[in-house]
PDB file of all heavy atoms in Angstrom:
ATOM      1  N   SER A   1      17.626  -7.668  10.434  1.00  0.00           N
ATOM      2  CA  SER A   1      18.869  -7.657  11.216  1.00  0.00           C
ATOM      3  C   SER A   1      19.535  -6.292  11.196  1.00  0.00           C
ATOM      4  O   SER A   1      20.712  -6.159  10.874  1.00  0.00           O
ATOM      5  CB  SER A   1      19.841  -8.717  10.694  1.00  0.00           C
ATOM      6  OG  SER A   1      19.254  -9.983  10.725  1.00  0.00           O
ATOM      7  N   THR A   2      18.784  -5.240  11.524  1.00  0.00           N
ATOM      8  CA  THR A   2      19.331  -3.889  11.464  1.00  0.00           C
ATOM      9  C   THR A   2      19.726  -3.405  12.836  1.00  0.00           C
ATOM     10  O   THR A   2      19.308  -3.950  13.866  1.00  0.00           O
ATOM     11  CB  THR A   2      18.281  -2.919  10.892  1.00  0.00           C
ATOM     12  OG1 THR A   2      17.123  -2.945  11.734  1.00  0.00           O
ATOM     13  CG2 THR A   2      17.890  -3.310   9.495  1.00  0.00           C
ATOM     14  N   GLU A   3      20.522  -2.329  12.850  1.00  0.00           N
ATOM     15  CA  GLU A   3      20.881  -1.650  14.097  1.00  0.00           C
ATOM     16  C   GLU A   3      21.046  -0.179  13.790  1.00  0.00           C
ATOM     17  O   GLU A   3      21.113   0.225  12.640  1.00  0.00           O
ATOM     18  CB  GLU A   3      22.175  -2.224  14.670  1.00  0.00           C
ATOM     19  CG  GLU A   3      23.361  -2.092  13.737  1.00  0.00           C
ATOM     20  CD  GLU A   3      24.607  -2.708  14.345  1.00  0.00           C
ATOM     21  OE1 GLU A   3      24.472  -3.647  15.139  1.00  0.00           O
ATOM     22  OE2 GLU A   3      25.694  -2.234  14.019  1.00  0.00           O
ATOM     23  N   ALA A   4      21.089   0.645  14.832  1.00  0.00           N
ATOM     24  CA  ALA A   4      21.259   2.081  14.637  1.00  0.00           C
ATOM     25  C   ALA A   4      22.636   2.376  14.052  1.00  0.00           C
ATOM     26  O   ALA A   4      23.598   1.681  14.341  1.00  0.00           O
ATOM     27  CB  ALA A   4      21.107   2.804  15.974  1.00  0.00           C
ATOM     28  N   PRO A   5      22.762   3.425  13.212  1.00  0.00           N
ATOM     29  CA  PRO A   5      24.055   3.769  12.628  1.00  0.00           C
ATOM     30  C   PRO A   5      25.079   4.089  13.720  1.00  0.00           C
ATOM     31  O   PRO A   5      24.757   4.672  14.745  1.00  0.00           O
ATOM     32  CB  PRO A   5      23.743   5.032  11.794  1.00  0.00           C
ATOM     33  CG  PRO A   5      22.278   4.973  11.541  1.00  0.00           C
ATOM     34  CD  PRO A   5      21.686   4.313  12.745  1.00  0.00           C
ATOM     35  N   GLN A   6      26.348   3.716  13.481  1.00  0.00           N
ATOM     36  CA  GLN A   6      27.407   4.006  14.424  1.00  0.00           C
ATOM     37  C   GLN A   6      27.787   5.481  14.330  1.00  0.00           C
ATOM     38  O   GLN A   6      27.558   6.130  13.333  1.00  0.00           O
ATOM     39  CB  GLN A   6      28.630   3.128  14.131  1.00  0.00           C
ATOM     40  CG  GLN A   6      28.326   1.633  14.271  1.00  0.00           C
ATOM     41  CD  GLN A   6      29.520   0.795  13.878  1.00  0.00           C
ATOM     42  OE1 GLN A   6      30.511   1.297  13.364  1.00  0.00           O
ATOM     43  NE2 GLN A   6      29.420  -0.489  14.122  1.00  0.00           N
ATOM     44  N   GLU A   7      28.433   5.986  15.409  1.00  0.00           N
ATOM     45  CA  GLU A   7      28.779   7.403  15.450  1.00  0.00           C
ATOM     46  C   GLU A   7      29.722   7.800  14.319  1.00  0.00           C
ATOM     47  O   GLU A   7      29.661   8.892  13.785  1.00  0.00           O
ATOM     48  CB  GLU A   7      29.420   7.734  16.801  1.00  0.00           C
ATOM     49  CG  GLU A   7      28.412   7.685  17.959  1.00  0.00           C
ATOM     50  CD  GLU A   7      29.070   8.081  19.252  1.00  0.00           C
ATOM     51  OE1 GLU A   7      30.247   8.456  19.226  1.00  0.00           O
ATOM     52  OE2 GLU A   7      28.403   8.017  20.293  1.00  0.00           O
ATOM     53  N   ASN A   8      30.651   6.871  13.931  1.00  0.00           N
ATOM     54  CA  ASN A   8      31.616   7.206  12.897  1.00  0.00           C
ATOM     55  C   ASN A   8      31.156   6.809  11.506  1.00  0.00           C
ATOM     56  O   ASN A   8      31.909   6.827  10.555  1.00  0.00           O
ATOM     57  CB  ASN A   8      32.976   6.552  13.188  1.00  0.00           C
ATOM     58  CG  ASN A   8      32.864   5.032  13.223  1.00  0.00           C
ATOM     59  OD1 ASN A   8      31.765   4.505  13.221  1.00  0.00           O
ATOM     60  ND2 ASN A   8      34.006   4.360  13.280  1.00  0.00           N
ATOM     61  N   ALA A   9      29.867   6.395  11.390  1.00  0.00           N
ATOM     62  CA  ALA A   9      29.341   5.997  10.081  1.00  0.00           C
ATOM     63  C   ALA A   9      29.008   7.231   9.263  1.00  0.00           C
ATOM     64  O   ALA A   9      28.743   8.293   9.813  1.00  0.00           O
ATOM     65  CB  ALA A   9      28.076   5.144  10.270  1.00  0.00           C
ATOM     66  N   PRO A  10      28.959   7.098   7.915  1.00  0.00           N
ATOM     67  CA  PRO A  10      28.559   8.224   7.079  1.00  0.00           C
ATOM     68  C   PRO A  10      27.142   8.655   7.430  1.00  0.00           C
ATOM     69  O   PRO A  10      26.331   7.842   7.871  1.00  0.00           O
ATOM     70  CB  PRO A  10      28.622   7.645   5.657  1.00  0.00           C
ATOM     71  CG  PRO A  10      29.528   6.447   5.759  1.00  0.00           C
ATOM     72  CD  PRO A  10      29.327   5.916   7.141  1.00  0.00           C
ATOM     73  N   HIS A  11      26.847   9.922   7.231  1.00  0.00           N
ATOM     74  CA  HIS A  11      25.510  10.447   7.551  1.00  0.00           C
ATOM     75  C   HIS A  11      24.457   9.707   6.743  1.00  0.00           C
ATOM     76  O   HIS A  11      24.482   9.691   5.528  1.00  0.00           O
ATOM     77  CB  HIS A  11      25.465  11.938   7.213  1.00  0.00           C
ATOM     78  CG  HIS A  11      24.156  12.577   7.529  1.00  0.00           C
ATOM     79  ND1 HIS A  11      23.555  12.477   8.762  1.00  0.00           N
ATOM     80  CD2 HIS A  11      23.329  13.333   6.758  1.00  0.00           C
ATOM     81  CE1 HIS A  11      22.411  13.146   8.747  1.00  0.00           C
ATOM     82  NE2 HIS A  11      22.253  13.659   7.551  1.00  0.00           N
ATOM     83  N   GLN A  12      23.539   9.026   7.423  1.00  0.00           N
ATOM     84  CA  GLN A  12      22.601   8.120   6.770  1.00  0.00           C
ATOM     85  C   GLN A  12      21.755   8.750   5.675  1.00  0.00           C
ATOM     86  O   GLN A  12      21.662   8.216   4.580  1.00  0.00           O
ATOM     87  CB  GLN A  12      21.687   7.496   7.839  1.00  0.00           C
ATOM     88  CG  GLN A  12      20.796   6.383   7.326  1.00  0.00           C
ATOM     89  CD  GLN A  12      21.504   5.054   7.388  1.00  0.00           C
ATOM     90  OE1 GLN A  12      22.730   4.988   7.309  1.00  0.00           O
ATOM     91  NE2 GLN A  12      20.762   3.992   7.511  1.00  0.00           N
ATOM     92  N   PRO A  13      21.119   9.907   5.908  1.00  0.00           N
ATOM     93  CA  PRO A  13      20.278  10.466   4.871  1.00  0.00           C
ATOM     94  C   PRO A  13      21.006  10.701   3.554  1.00  0.00           C
ATOM     95  O   PRO A  13      20.425  10.534   2.496  1.00  0.00           O
ATOM     96  CB  PRO A  13      19.797  11.780   5.491  1.00  0.00           C
ATOM     97  CG  PRO A  13      19.810  11.523   6.967  1.00  0.00           C
ATOM     98  CD  PRO A  13      21.017  10.669   7.162  1.00  0.00           C
ATOM     99  N   SER A  14      22.304  11.076   3.590  1.00  0.00           N
ATOM    100  CA  SER A  14      23.013  11.329   2.345  1.00  0.00           C
ATOM    101  C   SER A  14      23.148  10.053   1.533  1.00  0.00           C
ATOM    102  O   SER A  14      23.129  10.071   0.315  1.00  0.00           O
ATOM    103  CB  SER A  14      24.402  11.901   2.631  1.00  0.00           C
ATOM    104  OG  SER A  14      25.216  10.949   3.290  1.00  0.00           O
ATOM    105  N   GLN A  15      23.259   8.879   2.230  1.00  0.00           N
ATOM    106  CA  GLN A  15      23.365   7.626   1.508  1.00  0.00           C
ATOM    107  C   GLN A  15      22.032   7.257   0.861  1.00  0.00           C
ATOM    108  O   GLN A  15      21.980   6.722  -0.238  1.00  0.00           O
ATOM    109  CB  GLN A  15      23.814   6.501   2.461  1.00  0.00           C
ATOM    110  CG  GLN A  15      25.133   6.788   3.168  1.00  0.00           C
ATOM    111  CD  GLN A  15      26.262   7.021   2.192  1.00  0.00           C
ATOM    112  OE1 GLN A  15      26.205   6.555   1.050  1.00  0.00           O
ATOM    113  NE2 GLN A  15      27.274   7.748   2.602  1.00  0.00           N
ATOM    114  N   ILE A  16      20.952   7.557   1.551  1.00  0.00           N
ATOM    115  CA  ILE A  16      19.647   7.299   0.973  1.00  0.00           C
ATOM    116  C   ILE A  16      19.424   8.190  -0.239  1.00  0.00           C
ATOM    117  O   ILE A  16      18.839   7.797  -1.236  1.00  0.00           O
ATOM    118  CB  ILE A  16      18.541   7.512   2.019  1.00  0.00           C
ATOM    119  CG1 ILE A  16      18.704   6.508   3.170  1.00  0.00           C
ATOM    120  CG2 ILE A  16      17.162   7.354   1.409  1.00  0.00           C
ATOM    121  CD1 ILE A  16      18.596   5.064   2.757  1.00  0.00           C
ATOM    122  N   ASP A  17      19.918   9.442  -0.156  1.00  0.00           N
ATOM    123  CA  ASP A  17      19.822  10.323  -1.313  1.00  0.00           C
ATOM    124  C   ASP A  17      20.551   9.731  -2.506  1.00  0.00           C
ATOM    125  O   ASP A  17      20.155   9.894  -3.645  1.00  0.00           O
ATOM    126  CB  ASP A  17      20.404  11.695  -0.984  1.00  0.00           C
ATOM    127  CG  ASP A  17      19.506  12.482  -0.031  1.00  0.00           C
ATOM    128  OD1 ASP A  17      18.337  12.082   0.085  1.00  0.00           O
ATOM    129  OD2 ASP A  17      19.971  13.451   0.580  1.00  0.00           O
ATOM    130  N   THR A  18      21.678   9.010  -2.250  1.00  0.00           N
ATOM    131  CA  THR A  18      22.416   8.363  -3.325  1.00  0.00           C
ATOM    132  C   THR A  18      21.544   7.326  -4.004  1.00  0.00           C
ATOM    133  O   THR A  18      21.538   7.182  -5.221  1.00  0.00           O
ATOM    134  CB  THR A  18      23.694   7.694  -2.764  1.00  0.00           C
ATOM    135  OG1 THR A  18      24.475   8.682  -2.110  1.00  0.00           O
ATOM    136  CG2 THR A  18      24.502   7.066  -3.871  1.00  0.00           C
ATOM    137  N   THR A  19      20.785   6.557  -3.205  1.00  0.00           N
ATOM    138  CA  THR A  19      19.879   5.576  -3.776  1.00  0.00           C
ATOM    139  C   THR A  19      18.860   6.253  -4.683  1.00  0.00           C
ATOM    140  O   THR A  19      18.574   5.794  -5.787  1.00  0.00           O
ATOM    141  CB  THR A  19      19.131   4.821  -2.645  1.00  0.00           C
ATOM    142  OG1 THR A  19      20.091   4.287  -1.748  1.00  0.00           O
ATOM    143  CG2 THR A  19      18.279   3.704  -3.210  1.00  0.00           C
ATOM    144  N   HIS A  20      18.306   7.365  -4.188  1.00  0.00           N
ATOM    145  CA  HIS A  20      17.324   8.099  -4.975  1.00  0.00           C
ATOM    146  C   HIS A  20      17.952   8.585  -6.281  1.00  0.00           C
ATOM    147  O   HIS A  20      17.343   8.510  -7.346  1.00  0.00           O
ATOM    148  CB  HIS A  20      16.792   9.274  -4.160  1.00  0.00           C
ATOM    149  CG  HIS A  20      15.768  10.098  -4.870  1.00  0.00           C
ATOM    150  ND1 HIS A  20      14.513   9.627  -5.152  1.00  0.00           N
ATOM    151  CD2 HIS A  20      15.824  11.350  -5.381  1.00  0.00           C
ATOM    152  CE1 HIS A  20      13.826  10.559  -5.790  1.00  0.00           C
ATOM    153  NE2 HIS A  20      14.608  11.611  -5.947  1.00  0.00           N
ATOM    154  N   SER A  21      19.213   9.077  -6.198  1.00  0.00           N
ATOM    155  CA  SER A  21      19.895   9.569  -7.377  1.00  0.00           C
ATOM    156  C   SER A  21      20.113   8.458  -8.395  1.00  0.00           C
ATOM    157  O   SER A  21      20.067   8.680  -9.603  1.00  0.00           O
ATOM    158  CB  SER A  21      21.240  10.194  -6.985  1.00  0.00           C
ATOM    159  OG  SER A  21      21.047  11.301  -6.132  1.00  0.00           O
ATOM    160  N   TYR A  22      20.374   7.235  -7.898  1.00  0.00           N
ATOM    161  CA  TYR A  22      20.565   6.096  -8.798  1.00  0.00           C
ATOM    162  C   TYR A  22      19.296   5.832  -9.595  1.00  0.00           C
ATOM    163  O   TYR A  22      19.340   5.625 -10.813  1.00  0.00           O
ATOM    164  CB  TYR A  22      20.961   4.862  -7.985  1.00  0.00           C
ATOM    165  CG  TYR A  22      21.117   3.617  -8.817  1.00  0.00           C
ATOM    166  CD1 TYR A  22      22.097   3.536  -9.808  1.00  0.00           C
ATOM    167  CD2 TYR A  22      20.281   2.513  -8.630  1.00  0.00           C
ATOM    168  CE1 TYR A  22      22.249   2.396 -10.569  1.00  0.00           C
ATOM    169  CE2 TYR A  22      20.429   1.374  -9.394  1.00  0.00           C
ATOM    170  CZ  TYR A  22      21.415   1.313 -10.356  1.00  0.00           C
ATOM    171  OH  TYR A  22      21.549   0.182 -11.116  1.00  0.00           O
ATOM    172  N   SER A  23      18.140   5.870  -8.912  1.00  0.00           N
ATOM    173  CA  SER A  23      16.862   5.689  -9.612  1.00  0.00           C
ATOM    174  C   SER A  23      16.636   6.814 -10.614  1.00  0.00           C
ATOM    175  O   SER A  23      16.152   6.588 -11.726  1.00  0.00           O
ATOM    176  CB  SER A  23      15.707   5.645  -8.607  1.00  0.00           C
ATOM    177  OG  SER A  23      15.816   4.530  -7.770  1.00  0.00           O
ATOM    178  N   GLN A  24      17.005   8.029 -10.205  1.00  0.00           N
ATOM    179  CA  GLN A  24      16.854   9.163 -11.108  1.00  0.00           C
ATOM    180  C   GLN A  24      17.745   8.990 -12.333  1.00  0.00           C
ATOM    181  O   GLN A  24      17.357   9.338 -13.452  1.00  0.00           O
ATOM    182  CB  GLN A  24      17.220  10.464 -10.378  1.00  0.00           C
ATOM    183  CG  GLN A  24      16.226  10.860  -9.294  1.00  0.00           C
ATOM    184  CD  GLN A  24      14.909  11.376  -9.853  1.00  0.00           C
ATOM    185  OE1 GLN A  24      14.312  10.750 -10.716  1.00  0.00           O
ATOM    186  NE2 GLN A  24      14.477  12.518  -9.377  1.00  0.00           N
TER     187      GLN A  24
END
């Protein structure tokens, strides 16, 4: 149930980097 990020949403790659940082 996904959709493309909205224009006013936080920059997606930076959030994924946060996930990576959590694993780190």
